[in-house]
Amino acid sequence: MIFVFMGILLFISLVSGGTIALLAYEMFHQKFNRALGLLCGLLLVGLLVFEIIPESLESYEKLSLLLGFIIGYFFYSLTVLHSHNEKKHVSSMTPLIFGLFLHTIPLSLTLGSLLNNQMFPIAITTSTILHHIPEGFALTSLFLLRKKKLMSLLVCFLSLSVCSIFFMWIGKDIFIAPRIQGVLIGISICLIGLTSWKEFIFPSNK
C-alpha cells in the first residue's frame, strides 16, 4: 500500500537527518553542545517560519490555530514547571517530541486524503520526505545533548513513521474536520517554537 511506502520513506528521511547530526557530533565533539544546539534550533525555527506557519495560515482557520497555540503554551508551561519541581531535564524532550507527533497528524491526514487522487503529485511526496530531515536532525541532537540511548531514538523515529502511516490510512477514508486539524497544528507550532527558542537558541547565545 502506498501509505506504508510513504511511512518507510518518512523513516528513512528521519534517519538521514539523524545521521547528519551524528556526523556533526563526531566532527565537532568539543563544541557540540553550543554549535549544534544552535543549528538545531535555527533549523526548527526555519521550518516553522518558511513552511509550517505559512501553510497552516493558508489551510486552517486562524482561530483554530490560535486556540491550539494557547493550549500548547499551557502544556509547555506545565511540563517545564513539573520538570523544575522534579529537577529533571525533560523540559525539552517532552514538548518537542509531542509537538512533532501532533504536527505529523494533520500532515498525514492531508496526504491520506490525496491518496485517493490518481494524480497524486510527486512533488508532495518529495517535499514531505525533505521536510522530515530537519526533524530527524533535531531529535538526534536532542537525544545526544541529553545523553539518551540511540535505541530510544530509533524507537521514536519508528513511532513517528507508524503514526504517519496510521493517520494517512485514516485520512484516506475518514474526514477529519479542518478545525480539529488546525488546533493540533497550532499546538505543534507552539511546542516546537518554544522548545527551539528556550532549549536551543537562547542557551547557545547566553
C-alpha atoms as a PDB file:
ATOM      1  CA  MET A   1       0.000   0.000   0.000  1.00  0.00           C
ATOM      2  CA  ILE A   2       1.190   3.464  -0.855  1.00  0.00           C
ATOM      3  CA  PHE A   3       0.790   4.916   2.674  1.00  0.00           C
ATOM      4  CA  VAL A   4       3.067   2.164   4.028  1.00  0.00           C
ATOM      5  CA  PHE A   5       5.617   3.110   1.373  1.00  0.00           C
ATOM      6  CA  MET A   6       5.290   6.768   2.416  1.00  0.00           C
ATOM      7  CA  GLY A   7       5.824   5.783   6.053  1.00  0.00           C
ATOM      8  CA  ILE A   8       9.010   3.918   5.124  1.00  0.00           C
ATOM      9  CA  LEU A   9      10.281   6.950   3.199  1.00  0.00           C
ATOM     10  CA  LEU A  10       9.486   9.146   6.200  1.00  0.00           C
ATOM     11  CA  PHE A  11      11.508   6.833   8.456  1.00  0.00           C
ATOM     12  CA  ILE A  12      14.429   6.976   6.003  1.00  0.00           C
ATOM     13  CA  SER A  13      14.310  10.791   5.961  1.00  0.00           C
ATOM     14  CA  LEU A  14      14.305  10.914   9.788  1.00  0.00           C
ATOM     15  CA  VAL A  15      17.279   8.540   9.912  1.00  0.00           C
ATOM     16  CA  SER A  16      19.060  10.665   7.264  1.00  0.00           C
ATOM     17  CA  GLY A  17      18.659  13.765   9.415  1.00  0.00           C
ATOM     18  CA  GLY A  18      19.824  11.800  12.452  1.00  0.00           C
ATOM     19  CA  THR A  19      22.902  10.567  10.572  1.00  0.00           C
ATOM     20  CA  ILE A  20      23.869  14.144   9.704  1.00  0.00           C
ATOM     21  CA  ALA A  21      23.587  15.098  13.381  1.00  0.00           C
ATOM     22  CA  LEU A  22      25.730  12.115  14.420  1.00  0.00           C
ATOM     23  CA  LEU A  23      28.418  13.024  11.871  1.00  0.00           C
ATOM     24  CA  ALA A  24      28.402  16.616  13.130  1.00  0.00           C
ATOM     25  CA  TYR A  25      28.725  15.302  16.680  1.00  0.00           C
ATOM     26  CA  GLU A  26      31.776  13.238  15.758  1.00  0.00           C
ATOM     27  CA  MET A  27      33.399  16.145  13.877  1.00  0.00           C
ATOM     28  CA  PHE A  28      32.730  18.894  16.422  1.00  0.00           C
ATOM     29  CA  HIS A  29      32.512  16.909  19.637  1.00  0.00           C
ATOM     30  CA  GLN A  30      34.146  19.563  21.832  1.00  0.00           C
ATOM     31  CA  LYS A  31      31.809  22.356  20.696  1.00  0.00           C
ATOM     32  CA  PHE A  32      28.744  20.178  20.111  1.00  0.00           C
ATOM     33  CA  ASN A  33      26.560  21.490  22.936  1.00  0.00           C
ATOM     34  CA  ARG A  34      26.701  25.085  21.742  1.00  0.00           C
ATOM     35  CA  ALA A  35      27.139  24.979  17.960  1.00  0.00           C
ATOM     36  CA  LEU A  36      24.955  22.005  17.093  1.00  0.00           C
ATOM     37  CA  GLY A  37      22.302  23.013  19.612  1.00  0.00           C
ATOM     38  CA  LEU A  38      22.110  26.455  17.984  1.00  0.00           C
ATOM     39  CA  LEU A  39      21.945  24.945  14.482  1.00  0.00           C
ATOM     40  CA  CYS A  40      19.209  22.568  15.618  1.00  0.00           C
ATOM     41  CA  GLY A  41      17.125  25.438  16.995  1.00  0.00           C
ATOM     42  CA  LEU A  42      17.599  27.534  13.865  1.00  0.00           C
ATOM     43  CA  LEU A  43      16.567  24.622  11.637  1.00  0.00           C
ATOM     44  CA  LEU A  44      13.349  24.129  13.584  1.00  0.00           C
ATOM     45  CA  VAL A  45      12.555  27.845  13.579  1.00  0.00           C
ATOM     46  CA  GLY A  46      13.257  27.980   9.838  1.00  0.00           C
ATOM     47  CA  LEU A  47      10.927  25.028   9.333  1.00  0.00           C
ATOM     48  CA  LEU A  48       8.200  26.894  11.218  1.00  0.00           C
ATOM     49  CA  VAL A  49       8.712  30.299   9.594  1.00  0.00           C
ATOM     50  CA  PHE A  50       9.188  29.252   5.987  1.00  0.00           C
ATOM     51  CA  GLU A  51       6.968  26.179   5.742  1.00  0.00           C
ATOM     52  CA  ILE A  52       4.692  25.118   8.592  1.00  0.00           C
ATOM     53  CA  ILE A  53       3.263  28.520   9.606  1.00  0.00           C
ATOM     54  CA  PRO A  54       2.606  29.855   6.069  1.00  0.00           C
ATOM     55  CA  GLU A  55       0.964  26.577   5.013  1.00  0.00           C
ATOM     56  CA  SER A  56      -1.091  26.475   8.220  1.00  0.00           C
ATOM     57  CA  LEU A  57      -2.365  30.056   7.803  1.00  0.00           C
ATOM     58  CA  GLU A  58      -3.373  29.181   4.270  1.00  0.00           C
ATOM     59  CA  SER A  59      -5.053  25.854   5.105  1.00  0.00           C
ATOM     60  CA  TYR A  60      -6.672  26.329   8.528  1.00  0.00           C
ATOM     61  CA  GLU A  61      -8.788  28.903  10.356  1.00  0.00           C
ATOM     62  CA  LYS A  62      -6.743  31.407  12.348  1.00  0.00           C
ATOM     63  CA  LEU A  63      -8.999  30.953  15.383  1.00  0.00           C
ATOM     64  CA  SER A  64      -8.285  27.190  15.438  1.00  0.00           C
ATOM     65  CA  LEU A  65      -4.546  27.841  15.176  1.00  0.00           C
ATOM     66  CA  LEU A  66      -4.732  30.425  17.977  1.00  0.00           C
ATOM     67  CA  LEU A  67      -6.665  28.046  20.236  1.00  0.00           C
ATOM     68  CA  GLY A  68      -4.097  25.325  19.580  1.00  0.00           C
ATOM     69  CA  PHE A  69      -1.258  27.757  20.297  1.00  0.00           C
ATOM     70  CA  ILE A  70      -2.799  28.689  23.667  1.00  0.00           C
ATOM     71  CA  ILE A  71      -3.284  25.020  24.589  1.00  0.00           C
ATOM     72  CA  GLY A  72       0.304  24.303  23.570  1.00  0.00           C
ATOM     73  CA  TYR A  73       1.597  27.170  25.710  1.00  0.00           C
ATOM     74  CA  PHE A  74      -0.204  25.891  28.801  1.00  0.00           C
ATOM     75  CA  PHE A  75       1.035  22.347  28.139  1.00  0.00           C
ATOM     76  CA  TYR A  76       4.614  23.581  27.759  1.00  0.00           C
ATOM     77  CA  SER A  77       4.367  25.696  30.922  1.00  0.00           C
ATOM     78  CA  LEU A  78       3.037  22.778  32.968  1.00  0.00           C
ATOM     79  CA  THR A  79       5.728  20.454  31.599  1.00  0.00           C
ATOM     80  CA  VAL A  80       8.555  22.872  32.395  1.00  0.00           C
ATOM     81  CA  LEU A  81       7.120  23.587  35.863  1.00  0.00           C
ATOM     82  CA  HIS A  82       6.918  19.842  36.574  1.00  0.00           C
ATOM     83  CA  SER A  83      10.468  19.240  35.355  1.00  0.00           C
ATOM     84  CA  HIS A  84      11.818  22.037  37.565  1.00  0.00           C
ATOM     85  CA  ASN A  85       9.963  20.711  40.608  1.00  0.00           C
ATOM     86  CA  GLU A  86      11.255  17.197  39.972  1.00  0.00           C
ATOM     87  CA  LYS A  87      14.725  18.518  38.997  1.00  0.00           C
ATOM     88  CA  LYS A  88      14.679  16.546  35.758  1.00  0.00           C
ATOM     89  CA  HIS A  89      15.814  17.636  32.288  1.00  0.00           C
ATOM     90  CA  VAL A  90      12.643  16.682  30.487  1.00  0.00           C
ATOM     91  CA  SER A  91      11.511  20.186  29.556  1.00  0.00           C
ATOM     92  CA  SER A  92      12.962  19.953  26.058  1.00  0.00           C
ATOM     93  CA  MET A  93      12.274  16.265  25.449  1.00  0.00           C
ATOM     94  CA  THR A  94       8.553  16.005  26.098  1.00  0.00           C
ATOM     95  CA  PRO A  95       7.229  19.176  24.362  1.00  0.00           C
ATOM     96  CA  LEU A  96       9.369  18.767  21.239  1.00  0.00           C
ATOM     97  CA  ILE A  97       8.571  15.079  20.716  1.00  0.00           C
ATOM     98  CA  PHE A  98       4.885  15.670  21.469  1.00  0.00           C
ATOM     99  CA  GLY A  99       4.847  18.663  19.118  1.00  0.00           C
ATOM    100  CA  LEU A 100       6.406  16.665  16.283  1.00  0.00           C
ATOM    101  CA  PHE A 101       3.879  13.882  16.758  1.00  0.00           C
ATOM    102  CA  LEU A 102       0.991  16.376  16.659  1.00  0.00           C
ATOM    103  CA  HIS A 103       2.451  18.028  13.570  1.00  0.00           C
ATOM    104  CA  THR A 104       2.572  14.638  11.848  1.00  0.00           C
ATOM    105  CA  ILE A 105      -1.176  14.058  12.311  1.00  0.00           C
ATOM    106  CA  PRO A 106      -2.652  16.862  10.119  1.00  0.00           C
ATOM    107  CA  LEU A 107       0.075  16.353   7.517  1.00  0.00           C
ATOM    108  CA  SER A 108      -0.627  12.622   7.330  1.00  0.00           C
ATOM    109  CA  LEU A 109      -4.406  13.152   7.191  1.00  0.00           C
ATOM    110  CA  THR A 110      -3.931  15.510   4.254  1.00  0.00           C
ATOM    111  CA  LEU A 111      -1.656  13.078   2.449  1.00  0.00           C
ATOM    112  CA  GLY A 112      -4.128  10.276   3.113  1.00  0.00           C
ATOM    113  CA  SER A 113      -6.960  12.239   1.509  1.00  0.00           C
ATOM    114  CA  LEU A 114      -4.766  12.911  -1.534  1.00  0.00           C
ATOM    115  CA  LEU A 115      -4.025   9.223  -1.986  1.00  0.00           C
ATOM    116  CA  ASN A 116      -7.493   8.785  -3.494  1.00  0.00           C
ATOM    117  CA  ASN A 117      -6.417  11.081  -6.291  1.00  0.00           C
ATOM    118  CA  GLN A 118      -4.816   9.211  -9.173  1.00  0.00           C
ATOM    119  CA  MET A 119      -2.815  12.338  -9.974  1.00  0.00           C
ATOM    120  CA  PHE A 120      -1.031  12.208  -6.586  1.00  0.00           C
ATOM    121  CA  PRO A 121       1.865  14.593  -7.252  1.00  0.00           C
ATOM    122  CA  ILE A 122       5.461  13.503  -6.825  1.00  0.00           C
ATOM    123  CA  ALA A 123       6.284  16.997  -5.556  1.00  0.00           C
ATOM    124  CA  ILE A 124       4.151  16.414  -2.437  1.00  0.00           C
ATOM    125  CA  THR A 125       5.978  13.158  -1.730  1.00  0.00           C
ATOM    126  CA  THR A 126       9.382  14.798  -2.197  1.00  0.00           C
ATOM    127  CA  SER A 127       8.582  17.813  -0.012  1.00  0.00           C
ATOM    128  CA  THR A 128       7.213  15.521   2.715  1.00  0.00           C
ATOM    129  CA  ILE A 129      10.413  13.480   2.780  1.00  0.00           C
ATOM    130  CA  LEU A 130      12.709  16.527   2.776  1.00  0.00           C
ATOM    131  CA  HIS A 131      10.516  18.127   5.418  1.00  0.00           C
ATOM    132  CA  HIS A 132      11.370  15.406   7.961  1.00  0.00           C
ATOM    133  CA  ILE A 133      15.160  15.528   7.578  1.00  0.00           C
ATOM    134  CA  PRO A 134      15.466  18.609   9.882  1.00  0.00           C
ATOM    135  CA  GLU A 135      13.154  16.856  12.352  1.00  0.00           C
ATOM    136  CA  GLY A 136      15.462  13.824  12.415  1.00  0.00           C
ATOM    137  CA  PHE A 137      18.429  16.155  12.902  1.00  0.00           C
ATOM    138  CA  ALA A 138      16.703  17.986  15.760  1.00  0.00           C
ATOM    139  CA  LEU A 139      15.579  14.839  17.580  1.00  0.00           C
ATOM    140  CA  THR A 140      19.016  13.239  17.290  1.00  0.00           C
ATOM    141  CA  SER A 141      20.698  16.418  18.555  1.00  0.00           C
ATOM    142  CA  LEU A 142      18.302  16.484  21.486  1.00  0.00           C
ATOM    143  CA  PHE A 143      18.985  12.851  22.390  1.00  0.00           C
ATOM    144  CA  LEU A 144      22.746  13.423  22.165  1.00  0.00           C
ATOM    145  CA  LEU A 145      22.557  16.592  24.256  1.00  0.00           C
ATOM    146  CA  ARG A 146      20.548  14.761  26.917  1.00  0.00           C
ATOM    147  CA  LYS A 147      22.808  11.673  26.611  1.00  0.00           C
ATOM    148  CA  LYS A 148      19.889   9.352  25.861  1.00  0.00           C
ATOM    149  CA  LYS A 149      20.294   5.928  24.263  1.00  0.00           C
ATOM    150  CA  LEU A 150      20.220   5.898  20.461  1.00  0.00           C
ATOM    151  CA  MET A 151      17.975   2.832  20.576  1.00  0.00           C
ATOM    152  CA  SER A 152      15.306   5.049  22.154  1.00  0.00           C
ATOM    153  CA  LEU A 153      15.824   7.489  19.290  1.00  0.00           C
ATOM    154  CA  LEU A 154      15.199   4.752  16.714  1.00  0.00           C
ATOM    155  CA  VAL A 155      12.031   3.784  18.584  1.00  0.00           C
ATOM    156  CA  CYS A 156      10.962   7.432  18.386  1.00  0.00           C
ATOM    157  CA  PHE A 157      11.652   7.516  14.624  1.00  0.00           C
ATOM    158  CA  LEU A 158       9.731   4.284  14.128  1.00  0.00           C
ATOM    159  CA  SER A 159       6.816   5.559  16.216  1.00  0.00           C
ATOM    160  CA  LEU A 160       6.613   8.752  14.140  1.00  0.00           C
ATOM    161  CA  SER A 161       6.565   6.672  10.956  1.00  0.00           C
ATOM    162  CA  VAL A 162       3.859   4.333  12.283  1.00  0.00           C
ATOM    163  CA  CYS A 163       1.851   7.372  13.421  1.00  0.00           C
ATOM    164  CA  SER A 164       2.129   8.806   9.920  1.00  0.00           C
ATOM    165  CA  ILE A 165       1.026   5.531   8.293  1.00  0.00           C
ATOM    166  CA  PHE A 166      -1.943   5.219  10.667  1.00  0.00           C
ATOM    167  CA  PHE A 167      -3.263   8.736  10.062  1.00  0.00           C
ATOM    168  CA  MET A 168      -2.684   8.505   6.306  1.00  0.00           C
ATOM    169  CA  TRP A 169      -4.837   5.372   6.408  1.00  0.00           C
ATOM    170  CA  ILE A 170      -7.493   7.259   8.406  1.00  0.00           C
ATOM    171  CA  GLY A 171      -7.330  10.283   6.104  1.00  0.00           C
ATOM    172  CA  LYS A 172      -7.852   8.061   3.073  1.00  0.00           C
ATOM    173  CA  ASP A 173     -11.354   7.014   4.180  1.00  0.00           C
ATOM    174  CA  ILE A 174     -12.434   9.275   7.065  1.00  0.00           C
ATOM    175  CA  PHE A 175     -12.973  13.037   7.051  1.00  0.00           C
ATOM    176  CA  ILE A 176     -11.453  14.918  10.000  1.00  0.00           C
ATOM    177  CA  ALA A 177     -12.752  18.467  10.478  1.00  0.00           C
ATOM    178  CA  PRO A 178     -10.170  21.104   9.448  1.00  0.00           C
ATOM    179  CA  ARG A 179     -10.860  22.955  12.710  1.00  0.00           C
ATOM    180  CA  ILE A 180      -9.600  19.984  14.720  1.00  0.00           C
ATOM    181  CA  GLN A 181      -6.552  19.705  12.479  1.00  0.00           C
ATOM    182  CA  GLY A 182      -5.960  23.442  12.935  1.00  0.00           C
ATOM    183  CA  VAL A 183      -5.959  23.087  16.723  1.00  0.00           C
ATOM    184  CA  LEU A 184      -3.476  20.208  16.520  1.00  0.00           C
ATOM    185  CA  ILE A 185      -1.123  22.110  14.241  1.00  0.00           C
ATOM    186  CA  GLY A 186      -1.425  25.204  16.481  1.00  0.00           C
ATOM    187  CA  ILE A 187      -0.323  23.148  19.495  1.00  0.00           C
ATOM    188  CA  SER A 188       2.531  21.738  17.440  1.00  0.00           C
ATOM    189  CA  ILE A 189       3.720  25.184  16.284  1.00  0.00           C
ATOM    190  CA  CYS A 190       3.729  26.469  19.865  1.00  0.00           C
ATOM    191  CA  LEU A 191       5.610  23.490  21.314  1.00  0.00           C
ATOM    192  CA  ILE A 192       8.224  23.350  18.550  1.00  0.00           C
ATOM    193  CA  GLY A 193       8.718  27.129  18.622  1.00  0.00           C
ATOM    194  CA  LEU A 194       9.064  27.426  22.404  1.00  0.00           C
ATOM    195  CA  THR A 195      11.369  24.418  22.615  1.00  0.00           C
ATOM    196  CA  SER A 196      13.562  25.735  19.794  1.00  0.00           C
ATOM    197  CA  TRP A 197      13.969  29.130  21.440  1.00  0.00           C
ATOM    198  CA  LYS A 198      14.225  28.231  25.128  1.00  0.00           C
ATOM    199  CA  GLU A 199      16.148  24.956  24.868  1.00  0.00           C
ATOM    200  CA  PHE A 200      18.429  25.512  21.847  1.00  0.00           C
ATOM    201  CA  ILE A 201      18.794  29.106  20.622  1.00  0.00           C
ATOM    202  CA  PHE A 202      18.674  31.102  23.890  1.00  0.00           C
ATOM    203  CA  PRO A 203      21.114  28.860  25.870  1.00  0.00           C
ATOM    204  CA  SER A 204      23.543  28.865  22.913  1.00  0.00           C
ATOM    205  CA  ASN A 205      23.684  32.673  22.867  1.00  0.00           C
ATOM    206  CA  LYS A 206      23.560  33.183  26.617  1.00  0.00           C
END
